[in-house]
Amino acid sequence: MYGHDGRRIRLMYVDDNNVAVEREIAALRAAWEGLRGADWAPGAEADRRIARKAGREGSVVTAMSWALISVLAATLLFIALLFTEDSAMSPEWILITPVVTFFVVWIGSRLRNGSR
């Protein structure tokens, strides 16, 4: 749930372990819609904050995905080079590659999302 300033508010005990989530959310939404009044309008600043937070979280998820893929690619490349007896790649590159990939993709995604 988000407050009127766009900050996320955690709803305690609204999870699959304690309540029927869909029913609880429907009840909360009905109460909110009844109390908000007819003159209510979404806040532009809150919408911007929510969109920025979603963009930041999306950037991190994208970067983590690419970093995990790069671990697999670096490992496969290392194994292939190991069988060819080529010492062009040392094992630490299996650890360095995902870190570099994460930061490159994360910064690129943030720059791309910031220009929109």
PDB file of N, CA and C in Angstrom:
ATOM      1  N   MET A   1       0.852  -1.155   0.000  1.00  0.00           N
ATOM      2  CA  MET A   1       0.000   0.000   0.000  1.00  0.00           C
ATOM      3  C   MET A   1       0.903   1.224   0.000  1.00  0.00           C
ATOM      4  N   TYR A   2       0.428   2.310  -0.596  1.00  0.00           N
ATOM      5  CA  TYR A   2       1.188   3.542  -0.649  1.00  0.00           C
ATOM      6  C   TYR A   2       0.416   4.658   0.053  1.00  0.00           C
ATOM      7  N   GLY A   3       1.129   5.502   0.770  1.00  0.00           N
ATOM      8  CA  GLY A   3       0.520   6.664   1.405  1.00  0.00           C
ATOM      9  C   GLY A   3       0.323   7.786   0.411  1.00  0.00           C
ATOM     10  N   HIS A   4      -0.266   8.882   0.873  1.00  0.00           N
ATOM     11  CA  HIS A   4      -0.521  10.006  -0.029  1.00  0.00           C
ATOM     12  C   HIS A   4       0.744  10.695  -0.498  1.00  0.00           C
ATOM     13  N   ASP A   5       1.862  10.442   0.173  1.00  0.00           N
ATOM     14  CA  ASP A   5       3.132  11.012  -0.257  1.00  0.00           C
ATOM     15  C   ASP A   5       3.923  10.069  -1.160  1.00  0.00           C
ATOM     16  N   GLY A   6       3.369   8.885  -1.461  1.00  0.00           N
ATOM     17  CA  GLY A   6       4.039   7.937  -2.352  1.00  0.00           C
ATOM     18  C   GLY A   6       4.933   6.954  -1.644  1.00  0.00           C
ATOM     19  N   ARG A   7       5.002   7.019  -0.322  1.00  0.00           N
ATOM     20  CA  ARG A   7       5.834   6.064   0.428  1.00  0.00           C
ATOM     21  C   ARG A   7       5.070   4.760   0.636  1.00  0.00           C
ATOM     22  N   ARG A   8       5.809   3.663   0.564  1.00  0.00           N
ATOM     23  CA  ARG A   8       5.209   2.345   0.738  1.00  0.00           C
ATOM     24  C   ARG A   8       4.904   2.110   2.218  1.00  0.00           C
ATOM     25  N   ILE A   9       3.709   1.575   2.486  1.00  0.00           N
ATOM     26  CA  ILE A   9       3.280   1.244   3.834  1.00  0.00           C
ATOM     27  C   ILE A   9       3.043  -0.263   3.882  1.00  0.00           C
ATOM     28  N   ARG A  10       3.705  -0.920   4.805  1.00  0.00           N
ATOM     29  CA  ARG A  10       3.522  -2.364   4.949  1.00  0.00           C
ATOM     30  C   ARG A  10       2.264  -2.634   5.765  1.00  0.00           C
ATOM     31  N   LEU A  11       1.465  -3.547   5.275  1.00  0.00           N
ATOM     32  CA  LEU A  11       0.268  -3.963   5.987  1.00  0.00           C
ATOM     33  C   LEU A  11       0.611  -5.207   6.797  1.00  0.00           C
ATOM     34  N   MET A  12       0.665  -5.046   8.095  1.00  0.00           N
ATOM     35  CA  MET A  12       1.050  -6.149   8.967  1.00  0.00           C
ATOM     36  C   MET A  12       0.017  -7.266   8.895  1.00  0.00           C
ATOM     37  N   TYR A  13       0.475  -8.459   8.807  1.00  0.00           N
ATOM     38  CA  TYR A  13      -0.333  -9.678   8.814  1.00  0.00           C
ATOM     39  C   TYR A  13      -1.233  -9.837   7.599  1.00  0.00           C
ATOM     40  N   VAL A  14      -1.025  -9.052   6.549  1.00  0.00           N
ATOM     41  CA  VAL A  14      -1.768  -9.269   5.305  1.00  0.00           C
ATOM     42  C   VAL A  14      -0.848 -10.081   4.408  1.00  0.00           C
ATOM     43  N   ASP A  15      -0.885 -11.366   4.618  1.00  0.00           N
ATOM     44  CA  ASP A  15      -0.082 -12.288   3.826  1.00  0.00           C
ATOM     45  C   ASP A  15      -0.824 -13.611   3.731  1.00  0.00           C
ATOM     46  N   ASP A  16      -0.306 -14.511   2.951  1.00  0.00           N
ATOM     47  CA  ASP A  16      -0.975 -15.793   2.730  1.00  0.00           C
ATOM     48  C   ASP A  16      -1.033 -16.662   3.985  1.00  0.00           C
ATOM     49  N   ASN A  17      -0.201 -16.370   4.966  1.00  0.00           N
ATOM     50  CA  ASN A  17      -0.172 -17.193   6.177  1.00  0.00           C
ATOM     51  C   ASN A  17      -1.279 -16.839   7.160  1.00  0.00           C
ATOM     52  N   ASN A  18      -1.735 -15.583   7.151  1.00  0.00           N
ATOM     53  CA  ASN A  18      -2.667 -15.132   8.178  1.00  0.00           C
ATOM     54  C   ASN A  18      -4.082 -14.847   7.684  1.00  0.00           C
ATOM     55  N   VAL A  19      -4.241 -14.429   6.449  1.00  0.00           N
ATOM     56  CA  VAL A  19      -5.569 -14.050   5.941  1.00  0.00           C
ATOM     57  C   VAL A  19      -5.713 -14.471   4.485  1.00  0.00           C
ATOM     58  N   ALA A  20      -6.946 -14.417   4.012  1.00  0.00           N
ATOM     59  CA  ALA A  20      -7.201 -14.582   2.584  1.00  0.00           C
ATOM     60  C   ALA A  20      -6.905 -13.223   1.941  1.00  0.00           C
ATOM     61  N   VAL A  21      -5.787 -13.120   1.271  1.00  0.00           N
ATOM     62  CA  VAL A  21      -5.266 -11.832   0.814  1.00  0.00           C
ATOM     63  C   VAL A  21      -6.249 -11.110  -0.107  1.00  0.00           C
ATOM     64  N   GLU A  22      -6.815 -11.795  -1.078  1.00  0.00           N
ATOM     65  CA  GLU A  22      -7.713 -11.135  -2.021  1.00  0.00           C
ATOM     66  C   GLU A  22      -8.920 -10.537  -1.312  1.00  0.00           C
ATOM     67  N   ARG A  23      -9.496 -11.291  -0.368  1.00  0.00           N
ATOM     68  CA  ARG A  23     -10.657 -10.802   0.375  1.00  0.00           C
ATOM     69  C   ARG A  23     -10.272  -9.614   1.248  1.00  0.00           C
ATOM     70  N   GLU A  24      -9.125  -9.685   1.900  1.00  0.00           N
ATOM     71  CA  GLU A  24      -8.680  -8.605   2.781  1.00  0.00           C
ATOM     72  C   GLU A  24      -8.391  -7.332   1.988  1.00  0.00           C
ATOM     73  N   ILE A  25      -7.738  -7.472   0.847  1.00  0.00           N
ATOM     74  CA  ILE A  25      -7.451  -6.304   0.016  1.00  0.00           C
ATOM     75  C   ILE A  25      -8.738  -5.683  -0.517  1.00  0.00           C
ATOM     76  N   ALA A  26      -9.700  -6.522  -0.892  1.00  0.00           N
ATOM     77  CA  ALA A  26     -10.995  -6.003  -1.360  1.00  0.00           C
ATOM     78  C   ALA A  26     -11.691  -5.222  -0.250  1.00  0.00           C
ATOM     79  N   ALA A  27     -11.628  -5.715   0.984  1.00  0.00           N
ATOM     80  CA  ALA A  27     -12.241  -5.006   2.112  1.00  0.00           C
ATOM     81  C   ALA A  27     -11.527  -3.692   2.390  1.00  0.00           C
ATOM     82  N   LEU A  28     -10.192  -3.706   2.357  1.00  0.00           N
ATOM     83  CA  LEU A  28      -9.424  -2.472   2.563  1.00  0.00           C
ATOM     84  C   LEU A  28      -9.697  -1.449   1.466  1.00  0.00           C
ATOM     85  N   ARG A  29      -9.769  -1.920   0.221  1.00  0.00           N
ATOM     86  CA  ARG A  29     -10.041  -1.017  -0.901  1.00  0.00           C
ATOM     87  C   ARG A  29     -11.438  -0.404  -0.782  1.00  0.00           C
ATOM     88  N   ALA A  30     -12.430  -1.212  -0.399  1.00  0.00           N
ATOM     89  CA  ALA A  30     -13.798  -0.703  -0.247  1.00  0.00           C
ATOM     90  C   ALA A  30     -13.863   0.347   0.862  1.00  0.00           C
ATOM     91  N   ALA A  31     -13.183   0.091   1.979  1.00  0.00           N
ATOM     92  CA  ALA A  31     -13.162   1.068   3.072  1.00  0.00           C
ATOM     93  C   ALA A  31     -12.470   2.352   2.635  1.00  0.00           C
ATOM     94  N   TRP A  32     -11.362   2.225   1.923  1.00  0.00           N
ATOM     95  CA  TRP A  32     -10.623   3.399   1.459  1.00  0.00           C
ATOM     96  C   TRP A  32     -11.455   4.214   0.483  1.00  0.00           C
ATOM     97  N   GLU A  33     -12.087   3.542  -0.466  1.00  0.00           N
ATOM     98  CA  GLU A  33     -12.900   4.254  -1.449  1.00  0.00           C
ATOM     99  C   GLU A  33     -14.091   4.941  -0.795  1.00  0.00           C
ATOM    100  N   GLY A  34     -14.623   4.352   0.261  1.00  0.00           N
ATOM    101  CA  GLY A  34     -15.734   4.976   0.966  1.00  0.00           C
ATOM    102  C   GLY A  34     -15.307   6.185   1.774  1.00  0.00           C
ATOM    103  N   LEU A  35     -14.086   6.165   2.290  1.00  0.00           N
ATOM    104  CA  LEU A  35     -13.606   7.262   3.148  1.00  0.00           C
ATOM    105  C   LEU A  35     -12.880   8.376   2.400  1.00  0.00           C
ATOM    106  N   ARG A  36     -12.452   8.118   1.198  1.00  0.00           N
ATOM    107  CA  ARG A  36     -11.614   9.118   0.518  1.00  0.00           C
ATOM    108  C   ARG A  36     -12.401  10.321   0.016  1.00  0.00           C
ATOM    109  N   GLY A  37     -13.669  10.187  -0.230  1.00  0.00           N
ATOM    110  CA  GLY A  37     -14.495  11.309  -0.649  1.00  0.00           C
ATOM    111  C   GLY A  37     -14.565  11.443  -2.158  1.00  0.00           C
ATOM    112  N   ALA A  38     -15.563  12.196  -2.593  1.00  0.00           N
ATOM    113  CA  ALA A  38     -15.807  12.348  -4.036  1.00  0.00           C
ATOM    114  C   ALA A  38     -14.787  13.262  -4.706  1.00  0.00           C
ATOM    115  N   ASP A  39     -14.185  14.155  -3.947  1.00  0.00           N
ATOM    116  CA  ASP A  39     -13.241  15.113  -4.536  1.00  0.00           C
ATOM    117  C   ASP A  39     -11.804  14.605  -4.547  1.00  0.00           C
ATOM    118  N   TRP A  40     -11.590  13.329  -4.244  1.00  0.00           N
ATOM    119  CA  TRP A  40     -10.248  12.763  -4.213  1.00  0.00           C
ATOM    120  C   TRP A  40      -9.668  12.677  -5.621  1.00  0.00           C
ATOM    121  N   ALA A  41      -8.396  12.981  -5.742  1.00  0.00           N
ATOM    122  CA  ALA A  41      -7.657  12.835  -7.003  1.00  0.00           C
ATOM    123  C   ALA A  41      -6.276  12.276  -6.666  1.00  0.00           C
ATOM    124  N   PRO A  42      -5.730  11.437  -7.548  1.00  0.00           N
ATOM    125  CA  PRO A  42      -4.382  10.908  -7.273  1.00  0.00           C
ATOM    126  C   PRO A  42      -3.355  12.042  -7.223  1.00  0.00           C
ATOM    127  N   GLY A  43      -2.400  11.901  -6.324  1.00  0.00           N
ATOM    128  CA  GLY A  43      -1.350  12.907  -6.191  1.00  0.00           C
ATOM    129  C   GLY A  43      -0.250  12.684  -7.227  1.00  0.00           C
ATOM    130  N   ALA A  44       0.093  13.748  -7.939  1.00  0.00           N
ATOM    131  CA  ALA A  44       1.113  13.640  -8.986  1.00  0.00           C
ATOM    132  C   ALA A  44       2.478  13.286  -8.390  1.00  0.00           C
ATOM    133  N   GLU A  45       2.811  13.876  -7.251  1.00  0.00           N
ATOM    134  CA  GLU A  45       4.109  13.604  -6.624  1.00  0.00           C
ATOM    135  C   GLU A  45       4.180  12.157  -6.144  1.00  0.00           C
ATOM    136  N   ALA A  46       3.096  11.655  -5.588  1.00  0.00           N
ATOM    137  CA  ALA A  46       3.069  10.264  -5.137  1.00  0.00           C
ATOM    138  C   ALA A  46       3.230   9.322  -6.319  1.00  0.00           C
ATOM    139  N   ASP A  47       2.562   9.611  -7.423  1.00  0.00           N
ATOM    140  CA  ASP A  47       2.709   8.772  -8.616  1.00  0.00           C
ATOM    141  C   ASP A  47       4.143   8.774  -9.128  1.00  0.00           C
ATOM    142  N   ARG A  48       4.796   9.934  -9.102  1.00  0.00           N
ATOM    143  CA  ARG A  48       6.194  10.019  -9.540  1.00  0.00           C
ATOM    144  C   ARG A  48       7.108   9.211  -8.624  1.00  0.00           C
ATOM    145  N   ARG A  49       6.875   9.304  -7.311  1.00  0.00           N
ATOM    146  CA  ARG A  49       7.710   8.548  -6.364  1.00  0.00           C
ATOM    147  C   ARG A  49       7.547   7.049  -6.558  1.00  0.00           C
ATOM    148  N   ILE A  50       6.300   6.609  -6.757  1.00  0.00           N
ATOM    149  CA  ILE A  50       6.027   5.189  -6.958  1.00  0.00           C
ATOM    150  C   ILE A  50       6.691   4.707  -8.245  1.00  0.00           C
ATOM    151  N   ALA A  51       6.592   5.515  -9.303  1.00  0.00           N
ATOM    152  CA  ALA A  51       7.203   5.136 -10.587  1.00  0.00           C
ATOM    153  C   ALA A  51       8.728   5.079 -10.474  1.00  0.00           C
ATOM    154  N   ARG A  52       9.335   6.046  -9.759  1.00  0.00           N
ATOM    155  CA  ARG A  52      10.795   6.039  -9.590  1.00  0.00           C
ATOM    156  C   ARG A  52      11.246   4.809  -8.804  1.00  0.00           C
ATOM    157  N   LYS A  53      10.511   4.467  -7.747  1.00  0.00           N
ATOM    158  CA  LYS A  53      10.882   3.302  -6.950  1.00  0.00           C
ATOM    159  C   LYS A  53      10.751   2.031  -7.781  1.00  0.00           C
ATOM    160  N   ALA A  54       9.687   1.922  -8.559  1.00  0.00           N
ATOM    161  CA  ALA A  54       9.515   0.748  -9.420  1.00  0.00           C
ATOM    162  C   ALA A  54      10.639   0.684 -10.452  1.00  0.00           C
ATOM    163  N   GLY A  55      11.060   1.827 -10.978  1.00  0.00           N
ATOM    164  CA  GLY A  55      12.170   1.862 -11.930  1.00  0.00           C
ATOM    165  C   GLY A  55      13.477   1.412 -11.301  1.00  0.00           C
ATOM    166  N   ARG A  56      13.738   1.868 -10.072  1.00  0.00           N
ATOM    167  CA  ARG A  56      14.963   1.455  -9.372  1.00  0.00           C
ATOM    168  C   ARG A  56      14.959  -0.048  -9.115  1.00  0.00           C
ATOM    169  N   GLU A  57      13.823  -0.562  -8.648  1.00  0.00           N
ATOM    170  CA  GLU A  57      13.744  -1.999  -8.384  1.00  0.00           C
ATOM    171  C   GLU A  57      13.881  -2.797  -9.673  1.00  0.00           C
ATOM    172  N   GLY A  58      13.298  -2.312 -10.750  1.00  0.00           N
ATOM    173  CA  GLY A  58      13.424  -2.992 -12.044  1.00  0.00           C
ATOM    174  C   GLY A  58      14.857  -3.001 -12.538  1.00  0.00           C
ATOM    175  N   SER A  59      15.584  -1.909 -12.302  1.00  0.00           N
ATOM    176  CA  SER A  59      16.986  -1.841 -12.703  1.00  0.00           C
ATOM    177  C   SER A  59      17.827  -2.882 -11.973  1.00  0.00           C
ATOM    178  N   VAL A  60      17.578  -3.041 -10.686  1.00  0.00           N
ATOM    179  CA  VAL A  60      18.343  -4.007  -9.899  1.00  0.00           C
ATOM    180  C   VAL A  60      18.026  -5.431 -10.341  1.00  0.00           C
ATOM    181  N   VAL A  61      16.744  -5.719 -10.589  1.00  0.00           N
ATOM    182  CA  VAL A  61      16.357  -7.070 -11.019  1.00  0.00           C
ATOM    183  C   VAL A  61      16.980  -7.389 -12.375  1.00  0.00           C
ATOM    184  N   THR A  62      16.950  -6.438 -13.286  1.00  0.00           N
ATOM    185  CA  THR A  62      17.556  -6.642 -14.604  1.00  0.00           C
ATOM    186  C   THR A  62      19.060  -6.886 -14.480  1.00  0.00           C
ATOM    187  N   ALA A  63      19.729  -6.080 -13.667  1.00  0.00           N
ATOM    188  CA  ALA A  63      21.171  -6.233 -13.484  1.00  0.00           C
ATOM    189  C   ALA A  63      21.514  -7.576 -12.840  1.00  0.00           C
ATOM    190  N   MET A  64      20.721  -7.997 -11.857  1.00  0.00           N
ATOM    191  CA  MET A  64      20.974  -9.292 -11.220  1.00  0.00           C
ATOM    192  C   MET A  64      20.785 -10.436 -12.212  1.00  0.00           C
ATOM    193  N   SER A  65      19.779 -10.332 -13.061  1.00  0.00           N
ATOM    194  CA  SER A  65      19.551 -11.374 -14.069  1.00  0.00           C
ATOM    195  C   SER A  65      20.740 -11.487 -15.010  1.00  0.00           C
ATOM    196  N   TRP A  66      21.210 -10.359 -15.490  1.00  0.00           N
ATOM    197  CA  TRP A  66      22.368 -10.377 -16.399  1.00  0.00           C
ATOM    198  C   TRP A  66      23.621 -10.883 -15.686  1.00  0.00           C
ATOM    199  N   ALA A  67      23.785 -10.529 -14.407  1.00  0.00           N
ATOM    200  CA  ALA A  67      24.951 -11.001 -13.655  1.00  0.00           C
ATOM    201  C   ALA A  67      24.913 -12.520 -13.495  1.00  0.00           C
ATOM    202  N   LEU A  68      23.743 -13.070 -13.215  1.00  0.00           N
ATOM    203  CA  LEU A  68      23.634 -14.527 -13.092  1.00  0.00           C
ATOM    204  C   LEU A  68      23.920 -15.225 -14.415  1.00  0.00           C
ATOM    205  N   ILE A  69      23.434 -14.651 -15.500  1.00  0.00           N
ATOM    206  CA  ILE A  69      23.715 -15.223 -16.822  1.00  0.00           C
ATOM    207  C   ILE A  69      25.209 -15.156 -17.119  1.00  0.00           C
ATOM    208  N   SER A  70      25.847 -14.054 -16.698  1.00  0.00           N
ATOM    209  CA  SER A  70      27.280 -13.913 -16.972  1.00  0.00           C
ATOM    210  C   SER A  70      28.110 -14.919 -16.168  1.00  0.00           C
ATOM    211  N   VAL A  71      27.624 -15.328 -14.990  1.00  0.00           N
ATOM    212  CA  VAL A  71      28.330 -16.369 -14.229  1.00  0.00           C
ATOM    213  C   VAL A  71      28.347 -17.656 -15.042  1.00  0.00           C
ATOM    214  N   LEU A  72      27.206 -18.016 -15.581  1.00  0.00           N
ATOM    215  CA  LEU A  72      27.117 -19.224 -16.398  1.00  0.00           C
ATOM    216  C   LEU A  72      28.019 -19.110 -17.627  1.00  0.00           C
ATOM    217  N   ALA A  73      27.957 -17.966 -18.314  1.00  0.00           N
ATOM    218  CA  ALA A  73      28.776 -17.784 -19.511  1.00  0.00           C
ATOM    219  C   ALA A  73      30.276 -17.832 -19.177  1.00  0.00           C
ATOM    220  N   ALA A  74      30.678 -17.172 -18.088  1.00  0.00           N
ATOM    221  CA  ALA A  74      32.095 -17.177 -17.711  1.00  0.00           C
ATOM    222  C   ALA A  74      32.548 -18.573 -17.311  1.00  0.00           C
ATOM    223  N   THR A  75      31.698 -19.308 -16.622  1.00  0.00           N
ATOM    224  CA  THR A  75      32.045 -20.674 -16.229  1.00  0.00           C
ATOM    225  C   THR A  75      32.209 -21.568 -17.452  1.00  0.00           C
ATOM    226  N   LEU A  76      31.255 -21.479 -18.378  1.00  0.00           N
ATOM    227  CA  LEU A  76      31.354 -22.276 -19.601  1.00  0.00           C
ATOM    228  C   LEU A  76      32.593 -21.912 -20.408  1.00  0.00           C
ATOM    229  N   LEU A  77      32.883 -20.618 -20.488  1.00  0.00           N
ATOM    230  CA  LEU A  77      34.081 -20.191 -21.215  1.00  0.00           C
ATOM    231  C   LEU A  77      35.339 -20.708 -20.531  1.00  0.00           C
ATOM    232  N   PHE A  78      35.379 -20.634 -19.205  1.00  0.00           N
ATOM    233  CA  PHE A  78      36.531 -21.133 -18.465  1.00  0.00           C
ATOM    234  C   PHE A  78      36.728 -22.631 -18.701  1.00  0.00           C
ATOM    235  N   ILE A  79      35.638 -23.400 -18.656  1.00  0.00           N
ATOM    236  CA  ILE A  79      35.738 -24.850 -18.885  1.00  0.00           C
ATOM    237  C   ILE A  79      36.195 -25.147 -20.311  1.00  0.00           C
ATOM    238  N   ALA A  80      35.664 -24.408 -21.274  1.00  0.00           N
ATOM    239  CA  ALA A  80      36.069 -24.615 -22.666  1.00  0.00           C
ATOM    240  C   ALA A  80      37.553 -24.308 -22.846  1.00  0.00           C
ATOM    241  N   LEU A  81      38.017 -23.228 -22.227  1.00  0.00           N
ATOM    242  CA  LEU A  81      39.429 -22.875 -22.336  1.00  0.00           C
ATOM    243  C   LEU A  81      40.303 -23.852 -21.557  1.00  0.00           C
ATOM    244  N   LEU A  82      39.749 -24.446 -20.511  1.00  0.00           N
ATOM    245  CA  LEU A  82      40.493 -25.427 -19.733  1.00  0.00           C
ATOM    246  C   LEU A  82      40.791 -26.671 -20.565  1.00  0.00           C
ATOM    247  N   PHE A  83      39.821 -27.096 -21.370  1.00  0.00           N
ATOM    248  CA  PHE A  83      40.017 -28.272 -22.217  1.00  0.00           C
ATOM    249  C   PHE A  83      40.942 -27.998 -23.395  1.00  0.00           C
ATOM    250  N   THR A  84      41.058 -26.754 -23.799  1.00  0.00           N
ATOM    251  CA  THR A  84      41.960 -26.421 -24.897  1.00  0.00           C
ATOM    252  C   THR A  84      43.356 -26.087 -24.389  1.00  0.00           C
ATOM    253  N   GLU A  85      43.518 -26.140 -23.068  1.00  0.00           N
ATOM    254  CA  GLU A  85      44.796 -25.845 -22.420  1.00  0.00           C
ATOM    255  C   GLU A  85      45.295 -24.444 -22.745  1.00  0.00           C
ATOM    256  N   ASP A  86      44.351 -23.546 -22.946  1.00  0.00           N
ATOM    257  CA  ASP A  86      44.689 -22.134 -23.178  1.00  0.00           C
ATOM    258  C   ASP A  86      44.560 -21.416 -21.830  1.00  0.00           C
ATOM    259  N   SER A  87      45.585 -20.746 -21.420  1.00  0.00           N
ATOM    260  CA  SER A  87      45.554 -20.069 -20.122  1.00  0.00           C
ATOM    261  C   SER A  87      45.147 -18.604 -20.276  1.00  0.00           C
ATOM    262  N   ALA A  88      44.258 -18.331 -21.194  1.00  0.00           N
ATOM    263  CA  ALA A  88      43.837 -16.946 -21.444  1.00  0.00           C
ATOM    264  C   ALA A  88      42.903 -16.417 -20.364  1.00  0.00           C
ATOM    265  N   MET A  89      42.318 -17.314 -19.566  1.00  0.00           N
ATOM    266  CA  MET A  89      41.355 -16.875 -18.562  1.00  0.00           C
ATOM    267  C   MET A  89      41.653 -17.546 -17.232  1.00  0.00           C
ATOM    268  N   SER A  90      41.815 -16.738 -16.198  1.00  0.00           N
ATOM    269  CA  SER A  90      42.048 -17.300 -14.868  1.00  0.00           C
ATOM    270  C   SER A  90      40.702 -17.472 -14.149  1.00  0.00           C
ATOM    271  N   PRO A  91      40.649 -18.333 -13.138  1.00  0.00           N
ATOM    272  CA  PRO A  91      39.368 -18.637 -12.477  1.00  0.00           C
ATOM    273  C   PRO A  91      38.696 -17.440 -11.810  1.00  0.00           C
ATOM    274  N   GLU A  92      39.473 -16.471 -11.382  1.00  0.00           N
ATOM    275  CA  GLU A  92      38.849 -15.326 -10.708  1.00  0.00           C
ATOM    276  C   GLU A  92      37.931 -14.517 -11.624  1.00  0.00           C
ATOM    277  N   TRP A  93      38.082 -14.687 -12.932  1.00  0.00           N
ATOM    278  CA  TRP A  93      37.183 -13.995 -13.859  1.00  0.00           C
ATOM    279  C   TRP A  93      35.747 -14.493 -13.745  1.00  0.00           C
ATOM    280  N   ILE A  94      35.574 -15.704 -13.228  1.00  0.00           N
ATOM    281  CA  ILE A  94      34.221 -16.209 -12.994  1.00  0.00           C
ATOM    282  C   ILE A  94      33.530 -15.367 -11.918  1.00  0.00           C
ATOM    283  N   LEU A  95      34.298 -14.803 -11.005  1.00  0.00           N
ATOM    284  CA  LEU A  95      33.741 -13.929  -9.968  1.00  0.00           C
ATOM    285  C   LEU A  95      33.721 -12.463 -10.378  1.00  0.00           C
ATOM    286  N   ILE A  96      34.700 -12.043 -11.142  1.00  0.00           N
ATOM    287  CA  ILE A  96      34.793 -10.640 -11.549  1.00  0.00           C
ATOM    288  C   ILE A  96      33.738 -10.299 -12.597  1.00  0.00           C
ATOM    289  N   THR A  97      33.498 -11.206 -13.530  1.00  0.00           N
ATOM    290  CA  THR A  97      32.568 -10.942 -14.634  1.00  0.00           C
ATOM    291  C   THR A  97      31.164 -10.567 -14.159  1.00  0.00           C
ATOM    292  N   PRO A  98      30.546 -11.307 -13.217  1.00  0.00           N
ATOM    293  CA  PRO A  98      29.191 -10.911 -12.808  1.00  0.00           C
ATOM    294  C   PRO A  98      29.140  -9.574 -12.077  1.00  0.00           C
ATOM    295  N   VAL A  99      30.181  -9.252 -11.324  1.00  0.00           N
ATOM    296  CA  VAL A  99      30.196  -7.970 -10.623  1.00  0.00           C
ATOM    297  C   VAL A  99      30.251  -6.825 -11.628  1.00  0.00           C
ATOM    298  N   VAL A 100      31.143  -6.939 -12.596  1.00  0.00           N
ATOM    299  CA  VAL A 100      31.253  -5.906 -13.627  1.00  0.00           C
ATOM    300  C   VAL A 100      29.970  -5.831 -14.441  1.00  0.00           C
ATOM    301  N   THR A 101      29.429  -6.986 -14.804  1.00  0.00           N
ATOM    302  CA  THR A 101      28.185  -7.021 -15.574  1.00  0.00           C
ATOM    303  C   THR A 101      27.051  -6.372 -14.796  1.00  0.00           C
ATOM    304  N   PHE A 102      26.944  -6.680 -13.503  1.00  0.00           N
ATOM    305  CA  PHE A 102      25.893  -6.081 -12.682  1.00  0.00           C
ATOM    306  C   PHE A 102      25.971  -4.565 -12.721  1.00  0.00           C
ATOM    307  N   PHE A 103      27.159  -4.010 -12.457  1.00  0.00           N
ATOM    308  CA  PHE A 103      27.272  -2.557 -12.395  1.00  0.00           C
ATOM    309  C   PHE A 103      27.055  -1.900 -13.755  1.00  0.00           C
ATOM    310  N   VAL A 104      27.545  -2.509 -14.818  1.00  0.00           N
ATOM    311  CA  VAL A 104      27.350  -1.933 -16.153  1.00  0.00           C
ATOM    312  C   VAL A 104      25.869  -1.923 -16.523  1.00  0.00           C
ATOM    313  N   VAL A 105      25.188  -3.044 -16.319  1.00  0.00           N
ATOM    314  CA  VAL A 105      23.762  -3.117 -16.666  1.00  0.00           C
ATOM    315  C   VAL A 105      22.940  -2.223 -15.748  1.00  0.00           C
ATOM    316  N   TRP A 106      23.267  -2.207 -14.460  1.00  0.00           N
ATOM    317  CA  TRP A 106      22.520  -1.394 -13.498  1.00  0.00           C
ATOM    318  C   TRP A 106      22.640   0.091 -13.822  1.00  0.00           C
ATOM    319  N   ILE A 107      23.862   0.550 -14.062  1.00  0.00           N
ATOM    320  CA  ILE A 107      24.062   1.972 -14.386  1.00  0.00           C
ATOM    321  C   ILE A 107      23.418   2.300 -15.729  1.00  0.00           C
ATOM    322  N   GLY A 108      23.573   1.430 -16.708  1.00  0.00           N
ATOM    323  CA  GLY A 108      22.943   1.668 -18.010  1.00  0.00           C
ATOM    324  C   GLY A 108      21.422   1.721 -17.911  1.00  0.00           C
ATOM    325  N   SER A 109      20.849   0.832 -17.115  1.00  0.00           N
ATOM    326  CA  SER A 109      19.404   0.818 -16.931  1.00  0.00           C
ATOM    327  C   SER A 109      18.925   2.060 -16.192  1.00  0.00           C
ATOM    328  N   ARG A 110      19.678   2.483 -15.197  1.00  0.00           N
ATOM    329  CA  ARG A 110      19.302   3.710 -14.470  1.00  0.00           C
ATOM    330  C   ARG A 110      19.382   4.936 -15.370  1.00  0.00           C
ATOM    331  N   LEU A 111      20.418   5.004 -16.202  1.00  0.00           N
ATOM    332  CA  LEU A 111      20.539   6.131 -17.135  1.00  0.00           C
ATOM    333  C   LEU A 111      19.411   6.108 -18.154  1.00  0.00           C
ATOM    334  N   ARG A 112      19.092   4.926 -18.661  1.00  0.00           N
ATOM    335  CA  ARG A 112      17.992   4.811 -19.624  1.00  0.00           C
ATOM    336  C   ARG A 112      16.660   5.197 -19.004  1.00  0.00           C
ATOM    337  N   ASN A 113      16.401   4.710 -17.791  1.00  0.00           N
ATOM    338  CA  ASN A 113      15.142   5.031 -17.107  1.00  0.00           C
ATOM    339  C   ASN A 113      15.077   6.490 -16.683  1.00  0.00           C
ATOM    340  N   GLY A 114      16.223   7.068 -16.391  1.00  0.00           N
ATOM    341  CA  GLY A 114      16.257   8.482 -15.992  1.00  0.00           C
ATOM    342  C   GLY A 114      15.977   9.423 -17.154  1.00  0.00           C
ATOM    343  N   SER A 115      16.212   8.976 -18.365  1.00  0.00           N
ATOM    344  CA  SER A 115      16.003   9.858 -19.529  1.00  0.00           C
ATOM    345  C   SER A 115      14.557   9.846 -19.993  1.00  0.00           C
ATOM    346  N   ARG A 116      13.726   9.007 -19.373  1.00  0.00           N
ATOM    347  CA  ARG A 116      12.307   8.954 -19.776  1.00  0.00           C
ATOM    348  C   ARG A 116      11.479   9.937 -19.013  1.00  0.00           C
TER     349      ARG A 116
END
